[in-house]
N, C-alpha and C. Protein backbone atom coordinates (compact mmCIF):
# COMPACT_ATOMS: atom_id res chain seq x y z
N UNK A 1 24.05 -268.95 41.62
CA UNK A 1 24.30 -270.21 40.71
C UNK A 1 24.95 -269.76 39.38
N UNK A 2 24.65 -268.57 38.97
CA UNK A 2 25.07 -268.17 37.56
C UNK A 2 26.72 -267.80 37.68
N UNK A 3 27.05 -267.31 39.01
CA UNK A 3 28.46 -267.05 39.05
C UNK A 3 29.10 -268.57 39.24
N UNK A 4 28.70 -269.44 39.89
CA UNK A 4 29.25 -270.68 39.84
C UNK A 4 29.28 -271.48 38.62
N UNK A 5 28.31 -271.34 37.77
CA UNK A 5 28.32 -271.77 36.51
C UNK A 5 29.41 -271.09 35.69
N UNK A 6 29.75 -269.84 35.67
CA UNK A 6 30.55 -269.11 34.97
C UNK A 6 32.02 -269.45 35.51
N UNK A 7 32.25 -269.73 36.73
CA UNK A 7 33.41 -270.16 37.19
C UNK A 7 33.68 -271.50 36.88
N UNK A 8 32.92 -272.44 36.74
CA UNK A 8 33.00 -273.87 36.36
C UNK A 8 33.32 -273.76 34.79
N UNK A 9 32.59 -272.96 34.11
CA UNK A 9 32.78 -272.88 32.56
C UNK A 9 34.27 -272.56 32.30
N UNK A 10 34.71 -271.49 33.17
CA UNK A 10 36.06 -270.95 32.85
C UNK A 10 37.34 -271.97 33.32
N UNK A 11 36.76 -272.67 34.36
CA UNK A 11 37.84 -273.84 34.78
C UNK A 11 37.91 -274.96 33.61
N UNK A 12 36.79 -275.18 32.99
CA UNK A 12 36.75 -276.17 31.93
C UNK A 12 37.67 -275.74 30.90
N UNK A 13 37.29 -274.37 30.47
CA UNK A 13 38.03 -273.84 29.29
C UNK A 13 39.75 -273.87 29.73
N UNK A 14 40.07 -273.39 30.77
CA UNK A 14 41.39 -273.54 31.23
C UNK A 14 41.96 -274.98 31.27
N UNK A 15 41.12 -275.86 31.68
CA UNK A 15 41.63 -277.43 31.61
C UNK A 15 41.79 -277.72 30.22
N UNK A 16 40.79 -277.39 29.37
CA UNK A 16 41.00 -277.81 28.08
C UNK A 16 42.25 -277.10 27.40
N UNK A 17 42.54 -275.93 27.76
CA UNK A 17 43.66 -275.15 27.31
C UNK A 17 44.79 -275.84 27.59
N UNK A 18 44.96 -276.30 28.94
CA UNK A 18 46.12 -276.85 29.62
C UNK A 18 46.36 -278.40 28.96
N UNK A 19 45.36 -279.06 28.56
CA UNK A 19 45.49 -280.33 28.06
C UNK A 19 45.47 -280.41 26.49
N UNK A 20 44.82 -279.52 25.88
CA UNK A 20 44.64 -279.62 24.44
C UNK A 20 45.79 -278.91 23.72
N UNK A 21 46.21 -277.90 24.13
CA UNK A 21 47.14 -277.08 23.41
C UNK A 21 48.63 -277.51 23.78
N UNK A 22 49.28 -277.72 22.57
CA UNK A 22 50.83 -278.11 22.63
C UNK A 22 51.38 -277.65 21.43
N UNK A 23 52.74 -278.05 21.29
CA UNK A 23 53.46 -277.60 20.13
C UNK A 23 52.88 -278.12 18.89
N UNK A 24 52.00 -278.99 18.85
CA UNK A 24 51.32 -279.77 17.64
C UNK A 24 50.19 -279.07 17.07
N UNK A 25 49.58 -278.15 17.97
CA UNK A 25 48.26 -277.50 17.84
C UNK A 25 48.38 -276.35 16.79
N UNK A 26 47.54 -276.62 15.74
CA UNK A 26 47.64 -275.56 14.69
C UNK A 26 46.39 -274.64 14.75
N UNK A 27 45.42 -275.17 15.22
CA UNK A 27 44.17 -274.38 15.26
C UNK A 27 43.41 -274.83 16.57
N UNK A 28 43.10 -273.75 17.35
CA UNK A 28 42.31 -274.10 18.64
C UNK A 28 40.86 -274.25 18.34
N UNK A 29 40.16 -275.00 19.09
CA UNK A 29 38.70 -275.08 19.29
C UNK A 29 38.05 -273.75 19.33
N UNK A 30 36.87 -273.66 18.70
CA UNK A 30 36.06 -272.28 18.72
C UNK A 30 35.93 -271.87 20.04
N UNK A 31 35.46 -272.67 20.95
CA UNK A 31 35.12 -272.32 22.36
C UNK A 31 36.30 -271.66 23.16
N UNK A 32 37.48 -272.12 22.68
CA UNK A 32 38.65 -271.62 23.32
C UNK A 32 39.01 -270.15 22.82
N UNK A 33 38.94 -270.14 21.49
CA UNK A 33 39.29 -268.70 20.73
C UNK A 33 38.26 -267.80 21.28
N UNK A 34 36.99 -268.13 21.36
CA UNK A 34 35.94 -267.07 21.75
C UNK A 34 36.01 -266.48 22.97
N UNK A 35 36.73 -267.14 24.12
CA UNK A 35 36.85 -266.41 25.37
C UNK A 35 38.06 -265.64 25.27
N UNK A 36 37.93 -264.25 25.74
CA UNK A 36 39.11 -263.25 25.59
C UNK A 36 40.36 -263.66 26.22
N UNK A 37 40.27 -264.25 27.61
CA UNK A 37 41.34 -264.64 28.37
C UNK A 37 42.14 -265.86 27.74
N UNK A 38 41.51 -266.77 27.45
CA UNK A 38 41.95 -268.00 26.76
C UNK A 38 42.59 -267.55 25.43
N UNK A 39 41.88 -266.80 24.77
CA UNK A 39 42.42 -266.35 23.37
C UNK A 39 43.74 -265.61 23.59
N UNK A 40 43.73 -264.74 24.63
CA UNK A 40 44.93 -263.99 24.88
C UNK A 40 46.31 -265.02 25.29
N UNK A 41 46.12 -266.07 26.09
CA UNK A 41 47.05 -267.12 26.22
C UNK A 41 47.30 -267.85 25.07
N UNK A 42 46.32 -268.14 24.11
CA UNK A 42 46.49 -268.69 22.82
C UNK A 42 47.59 -267.97 21.99
N UNK A 43 47.44 -266.63 22.16
CA UNK A 43 48.29 -265.83 21.28
C UNK A 43 49.72 -265.77 21.93
N UNK A 44 49.87 -265.80 23.32
CA UNK A 44 51.13 -265.94 23.97
C UNK A 44 51.88 -267.09 23.49
N UNK A 45 51.06 -268.32 23.46
CA UNK A 45 51.60 -269.61 23.14
C UNK A 45 52.14 -269.56 21.83
N UNK A 46 51.29 -269.16 20.89
CA UNK A 46 51.69 -268.95 19.50
C UNK A 46 52.79 -268.12 19.36
N UNK A 47 53.05 -267.19 20.01
CA UNK A 47 54.08 -266.27 19.84
C UNK A 47 55.43 -266.86 20.43
N UNK A 48 55.29 -267.58 21.56
CA UNK A 48 56.47 -268.35 22.01
C UNK A 48 57.11 -269.46 21.26
N UNK A 49 56.10 -269.96 20.29
CA UNK A 49 56.50 -271.11 19.49
C UNK A 49 57.21 -270.59 18.01
N UNK A 50 57.41 -269.39 18.04
CA UNK A 50 58.04 -268.86 16.65
C UNK A 50 59.63 -269.09 16.80
N UNK A 51 60.22 -269.49 15.65
CA UNK A 51 61.54 -269.59 15.28
C UNK A 51 62.17 -268.18 15.27
N UNK A 52 63.47 -268.11 15.19
CA UNK A 52 64.06 -266.80 15.45
C UNK A 52 63.77 -265.87 14.21
N UNK A 53 63.55 -266.34 12.86
CA UNK A 53 63.26 -265.52 11.66
C UNK A 53 61.81 -265.17 12.04
N UNK A 54 60.77 -266.03 12.34
CA UNK A 54 59.43 -265.67 12.65
C UNK A 54 59.34 -264.73 13.73
N UNK A 55 60.13 -264.83 14.83
CA UNK A 55 60.23 -263.91 15.81
C UNK A 55 60.70 -262.61 15.42
N UNK A 56 61.57 -262.41 14.68
CA UNK A 56 62.22 -261.21 14.14
C UNK A 56 60.95 -260.44 13.32
N UNK A 57 60.56 -261.27 12.49
CA UNK A 57 59.44 -260.68 11.57
C UNK A 57 58.16 -260.19 12.50
N UNK A 58 57.91 -261.10 13.54
CA UNK A 58 56.83 -260.81 14.37
C UNK A 58 57.06 -259.35 15.29
N UNK A 59 58.34 -259.35 15.67
CA UNK A 59 58.71 -258.10 16.46
C UNK A 59 58.74 -256.96 15.54
N UNK A 60 59.15 -256.99 14.35
CA UNK A 60 59.33 -256.06 13.47
C UNK A 60 57.81 -255.59 13.07
N UNK A 61 56.77 -256.50 12.99
CA UNK A 61 55.64 -255.92 12.73
C UNK A 61 55.00 -255.22 13.68
N UNK A 62 55.24 -255.61 15.11
CA UNK A 62 54.62 -254.86 16.22
C UNK A 62 55.56 -253.70 16.42
N UNK A 63 56.76 -253.54 16.10
CA UNK A 63 57.51 -252.39 16.16
C UNK A 63 56.81 -251.26 15.08
N UNK A 64 56.48 -251.84 13.84
CA UNK A 64 55.94 -250.99 13.11
C UNK A 64 54.55 -250.43 13.40
N UNK A 65 53.79 -251.26 14.01
CA UNK A 65 52.60 -250.83 14.58
C UNK A 65 52.72 -249.88 15.69
N UNK A 66 53.67 -250.04 16.54
CA UNK A 66 53.86 -249.13 17.82
C UNK A 66 54.30 -247.68 17.06
N UNK A 67 55.08 -247.68 15.92
CA UNK A 67 55.67 -246.52 15.44
C UNK A 67 54.49 -245.72 14.84
N UNK A 68 53.69 -246.56 14.06
CA UNK A 68 52.60 -245.92 13.53
C UNK A 68 51.53 -245.48 14.36
N UNK A 69 51.46 -246.04 15.38
CA UNK A 69 50.32 -245.65 16.55
C UNK A 69 50.91 -244.38 17.18
N UNK A 70 52.26 -244.33 17.43
CA UNK A 70 52.87 -243.16 17.92
C UNK A 70 52.67 -242.06 17.06
N UNK A 71 52.86 -242.17 15.68
CA UNK A 71 52.57 -241.26 14.63
C UNK A 71 51.36 -240.68 14.70
N UNK A 72 50.38 -241.57 14.77
CA UNK A 72 48.88 -241.29 14.56
C UNK A 72 48.62 -240.48 15.99
N UNK A 73 49.06 -240.84 17.07
CA UNK A 73 48.74 -240.08 18.31
C UNK A 73 49.44 -238.59 18.12
N UNK A 74 50.78 -238.55 17.69
CA UNK A 74 51.33 -237.27 17.43
C UNK A 74 50.32 -236.45 16.49
N UNK A 75 50.01 -237.06 15.40
CA UNK A 75 49.17 -236.40 14.40
C UNK A 75 47.74 -235.81 15.08
N UNK A 76 47.24 -236.68 16.00
CA UNK A 76 45.93 -236.23 16.58
C UNK A 76 46.17 -235.13 17.48
N UNK A 77 47.41 -235.13 18.36
CA UNK A 77 47.72 -233.97 19.05
C UNK A 77 47.88 -232.73 18.51
N UNK A 78 48.80 -232.83 17.39
CA UNK A 78 49.06 -231.78 16.52
C UNK A 78 47.68 -231.17 15.89
N UNK A 79 46.87 -232.03 15.43
CA UNK A 79 45.46 -231.46 15.00
C UNK A 79 44.67 -230.92 15.98
N UNK A 80 44.70 -231.36 17.26
CA UNK A 80 44.09 -230.68 18.42
C UNK A 80 44.62 -229.39 18.73
N UNK A 81 46.00 -229.26 18.68
CA UNK A 81 46.54 -228.08 18.81
C UNK A 81 46.45 -226.92 17.79
N UNK A 82 46.31 -227.54 16.47
CA UNK A 82 45.95 -226.61 15.43
C UNK A 82 44.37 -226.17 15.54
N UNK A 83 43.59 -227.24 15.82
CA UNK A 83 42.26 -226.70 15.96
C UNK A 83 42.13 -225.63 17.06
N UNK A 84 42.80 -225.98 18.13
CA UNK A 84 42.65 -224.89 19.32
C UNK A 84 43.30 -223.37 18.79
N UNK A 85 44.41 -223.45 18.03
CA UNK A 85 45.02 -222.36 17.58
C UNK A 85 44.00 -221.55 16.59
N UNK A 86 43.32 -222.49 15.88
CA UNK A 86 42.39 -221.65 14.93
C UNK A 86 41.28 -221.24 15.47
N UNK A 87 40.75 -221.90 16.65
CA UNK A 87 39.46 -221.53 17.38
C UNK A 87 40.05 -220.04 17.97
N UNK A 88 41.32 -220.08 18.62
CA UNK A 88 41.73 -218.66 19.19
C UNK A 88 41.80 -217.74 18.29
N UNK A 89 42.49 -217.98 17.11
CA UNK A 89 42.59 -216.92 16.04
C UNK A 89 41.17 -216.30 15.54
N UNK A 90 40.19 -217.31 15.45
CA UNK A 90 38.91 -216.98 15.08
C UNK A 90 38.32 -216.05 16.05
N UNK A 91 38.56 -216.26 17.33
CA UNK A 91 37.94 -215.48 18.51
C UNK A 91 38.71 -214.04 18.32
N UNK A 92 39.99 -214.08 18.12
CA UNK A 92 40.70 -212.73 18.09
C UNK A 92 40.29 -212.12 16.89
N UNK A 93 40.09 -212.61 15.90
CA UNK A 93 39.59 -212.10 14.47
C UNK A 93 38.19 -211.45 14.96
N UNK A 94 37.19 -212.17 15.52
CA UNK A 94 36.05 -211.59 15.84
C UNK A 94 36.05 -210.43 16.80
N UNK A 95 37.00 -210.58 17.70
CA UNK A 95 37.18 -209.35 18.68
C UNK A 95 37.69 -208.23 17.95
N UNK A 96 38.66 -208.41 16.94
CA UNK A 96 39.28 -207.23 16.12
C UNK A 96 38.11 -206.68 15.15
N UNK A 97 37.36 -207.52 14.65
CA UNK A 97 36.11 -207.18 13.69
C UNK A 97 35.13 -206.40 14.57
N UNK A 98 34.85 -206.80 15.69
CA UNK A 98 33.99 -206.03 16.61
C UNK A 98 34.52 -204.68 17.12
N UNK A 99 35.84 -204.50 17.40
CA UNK A 99 36.56 -203.25 17.66
C UNK A 99 36.44 -202.41 16.55
N UNK A 100 36.75 -202.91 15.27
CA UNK A 100 36.75 -202.05 14.06
C UNK A 100 35.29 -201.60 13.81
N UNK A 101 34.22 -202.37 14.05
CA UNK A 101 32.82 -202.08 13.79
C UNK A 101 32.53 -200.84 14.74
N UNK A 102 32.98 -201.10 15.95
CA UNK A 102 32.85 -199.90 17.16
C UNK A 102 33.50 -198.58 16.66
N UNK A 103 34.76 -198.74 16.20
CA UNK A 103 35.35 -197.67 15.70
C UNK A 103 34.70 -196.82 14.73
N UNK A 104 34.12 -197.57 13.63
CA UNK A 104 33.34 -197.21 12.46
C UNK A 104 32.10 -196.50 13.00
N UNK A 105 31.54 -197.04 13.93
CA UNK A 105 30.23 -196.50 14.54
C UNK A 105 30.52 -195.20 15.28
N UNK A 106 31.62 -195.20 15.87
CA UNK A 106 32.12 -193.93 16.59
C UNK A 106 32.45 -192.91 15.65
N UNK A 107 33.07 -193.34 14.62
CA UNK A 107 33.42 -192.28 13.50
C UNK A 107 32.13 -191.67 12.79
N UNK A 108 31.29 -192.61 12.75
CA UNK A 108 29.89 -192.25 12.03
C UNK A 108 29.21 -191.34 12.96
N UNK A 109 29.20 -191.51 14.22
CA UNK A 109 28.42 -190.63 15.28
C UNK A 109 29.17 -189.21 15.31
N UNK A 110 30.57 -189.31 15.29
CA UNK A 110 31.32 -188.02 15.16
C UNK A 110 30.97 -187.27 14.08
N UNK A 111 30.87 -187.96 12.75
CA UNK A 111 30.68 -187.16 11.53
C UNK A 111 29.14 -186.66 11.60
N UNK A 112 28.36 -187.49 12.02
CA UNK A 112 26.86 -186.95 12.24
C UNK A 112 26.75 -185.74 13.02
N UNK A 113 27.62 -185.73 14.18
CA UNK A 113 27.63 -184.62 15.13
C UNK A 113 28.30 -183.39 14.47
N UNK A 114 29.22 -183.51 13.68
CA UNK A 114 29.88 -182.35 12.99
C UNK A 114 28.82 -181.96 12.04
N UNK A 115 28.20 -182.82 11.20
CA UNK A 115 27.24 -182.33 10.33
C UNK A 115 26.01 -181.77 10.94
N UNK A 116 25.61 -182.14 12.03
CA UNK A 116 24.41 -181.49 12.83
C UNK A 116 24.90 -180.07 13.25
N UNK A 117 26.20 -180.01 13.65
CA UNK A 117 26.71 -178.71 14.23
C UNK A 117 26.70 -177.74 12.96
N UNK A 118 27.23 -178.26 11.76
CA UNK A 118 27.26 -177.40 10.55
C UNK A 118 25.82 -176.97 10.15
N UNK A 119 24.97 -177.83 10.22
CA UNK A 119 23.44 -177.54 9.83
C UNK A 119 22.88 -176.28 10.73
N UNK A 120 23.30 -176.57 12.07
CA UNK A 120 22.83 -175.51 13.01
C UNK A 120 23.47 -174.20 12.82
N UNK A 121 24.67 -174.17 12.43
CA UNK A 121 25.35 -172.89 12.04
C UNK A 121 24.69 -172.24 10.77
N UNK A 122 24.52 -173.18 9.73
CA UNK A 122 23.57 -172.65 8.66
C UNK A 122 22.28 -172.18 8.86
N UNK A 123 21.72 -172.81 9.86
CA UNK A 123 20.30 -172.40 10.25
C UNK A 123 20.37 -171.02 10.84
N UNK A 124 21.49 -171.02 11.76
CA UNK A 124 21.54 -169.76 12.50
C UNK A 124 21.90 -168.49 11.61
N UNK A 125 22.85 -168.72 10.59
CA UNK A 125 23.19 -167.80 9.74
C UNK A 125 21.97 -167.41 8.86
N UNK A 126 21.02 -168.14 8.54
CA UNK A 126 19.89 -167.95 7.72
C UNK A 126 18.99 -167.06 8.50
N UNK A 127 18.93 -167.38 9.95
CA UNK A 127 17.99 -166.59 10.71
C UNK A 127 18.68 -165.17 10.98
N UNK A 128 19.97 -165.10 11.14
CA UNK A 128 20.64 -163.85 11.26
C UNK A 128 20.51 -162.80 9.89
N UNK A 129 20.58 -163.55 8.79
CA UNK A 129 20.43 -162.86 7.56
C UNK A 129 19.01 -162.30 7.43
N UNK A 130 17.99 -163.08 8.06
CA UNK A 130 16.48 -162.45 7.80
C UNK A 130 16.38 -161.38 8.87
N UNK A 131 17.46 -161.15 9.81
CA UNK A 131 17.34 -160.06 10.70
C UNK A 131 18.09 -159.00 10.09
N UNK A 132 18.54 -159.01 8.74
CA UNK A 132 19.20 -157.99 8.14
C UNK A 132 20.80 -157.68 8.72
N UNK A 133 21.33 -158.69 9.46
CA UNK A 133 22.54 -158.43 9.83
C UNK A 133 23.55 -158.55 8.57
N UNK A 134 24.85 -158.02 8.65
CA UNK A 134 25.84 -157.92 7.53
C UNK A 134 26.43 -159.23 7.58
N UNK A 135 26.84 -159.66 6.34
CA UNK A 135 27.65 -160.99 6.22
C UNK A 135 28.74 -161.07 7.16
N UNK A 136 29.63 -159.85 7.36
CA UNK A 136 30.67 -159.87 8.37
C UNK A 136 30.17 -160.12 9.66
N UNK A 137 28.92 -159.52 10.10
CA UNK A 137 28.57 -159.78 11.59
C UNK A 137 28.05 -161.45 11.70
N UNK A 138 27.43 -161.95 10.73
CA UNK A 138 26.90 -163.34 10.62
C UNK A 138 28.25 -164.26 10.66
N UNK A 139 29.39 -163.97 9.86
CA UNK A 139 30.38 -164.82 9.91
C UNK A 139 31.08 -164.63 11.25
N UNK A 140 31.08 -163.49 12.07
CA UNK A 140 31.67 -163.55 13.26
C UNK A 140 30.84 -164.24 14.20
N UNK A 141 29.54 -164.26 14.09
CA UNK A 141 28.73 -164.91 15.14
C UNK A 141 28.72 -166.53 14.89
N UNK A 142 28.85 -166.91 13.62
CA UNK A 142 28.66 -168.32 13.34
C UNK A 142 29.93 -169.02 12.98
N UNK A 143 31.00 -168.40 12.73
CA UNK A 143 32.23 -168.99 12.08
C UNK A 143 32.31 -169.43 10.82
N UNK A 144 31.12 -169.12 10.07
CA UNK A 144 31.02 -169.46 8.67
C UNK A 144 31.90 -168.42 7.91
N UNK A 145 32.22 -168.81 6.59
CA UNK A 145 33.03 -167.96 5.84
C UNK A 145 32.08 -167.00 5.08
N UNK A 146 32.58 -165.95 4.49
CA UNK A 146 31.94 -164.99 3.73
C UNK A 146 31.23 -165.64 2.69
N UNK A 147 31.84 -166.43 2.04
CA UNK A 147 31.34 -167.32 0.82
C UNK A 147 30.15 -168.07 1.06
N UNK A 148 30.25 -168.84 2.13
CA UNK A 148 29.08 -169.68 2.85
C UNK A 148 27.92 -168.82 2.94
N UNK A 149 28.22 -167.65 3.58
CA UNK A 149 26.96 -166.82 3.98
C UNK A 149 26.33 -166.25 2.73
N UNK A 150 27.18 -165.97 1.72
CA UNK A 150 26.80 -165.28 0.61
C UNK A 150 26.00 -166.27 -0.17
N UNK A 151 26.15 -167.68 -0.38
CA UNK A 151 25.59 -168.68 -0.78
C UNK A 151 24.11 -168.95 -0.21
N UNK A 152 23.94 -168.56 0.93
CA UNK A 152 22.44 -168.60 1.69
C UNK A 152 21.57 -167.88 0.94
């Protein structure tokens, strides 16, 4: 029933459109304008009733709208590409920062290992000195300089 009612309502609207709309129509009834299909037909009728000057202005307006729409689409596409490039750049920067942090950590570990080795040599030199070995013997055994051993 609802479908039949909708079909009959549409038939009535189209019959009204066909009988009421002509070259003298300045404003269509609200019921006709509210239906999207009938309203589209009204716009087509209105467009076809334009004189040459009005038609040129109308076409110019829609050309302007199409150009601006194309420009907006181009801008959106460019922004999307820019956003993607910025995201990629941010990811590359994050990777570079992580690699730099890893290099810094590796350098710190190497420096700590070198310092540990030096402390071990100094401790060995102290032990050898307490055993009354000569500075030359301690230097030979540890690789430390005579001045470093004398400072102990």
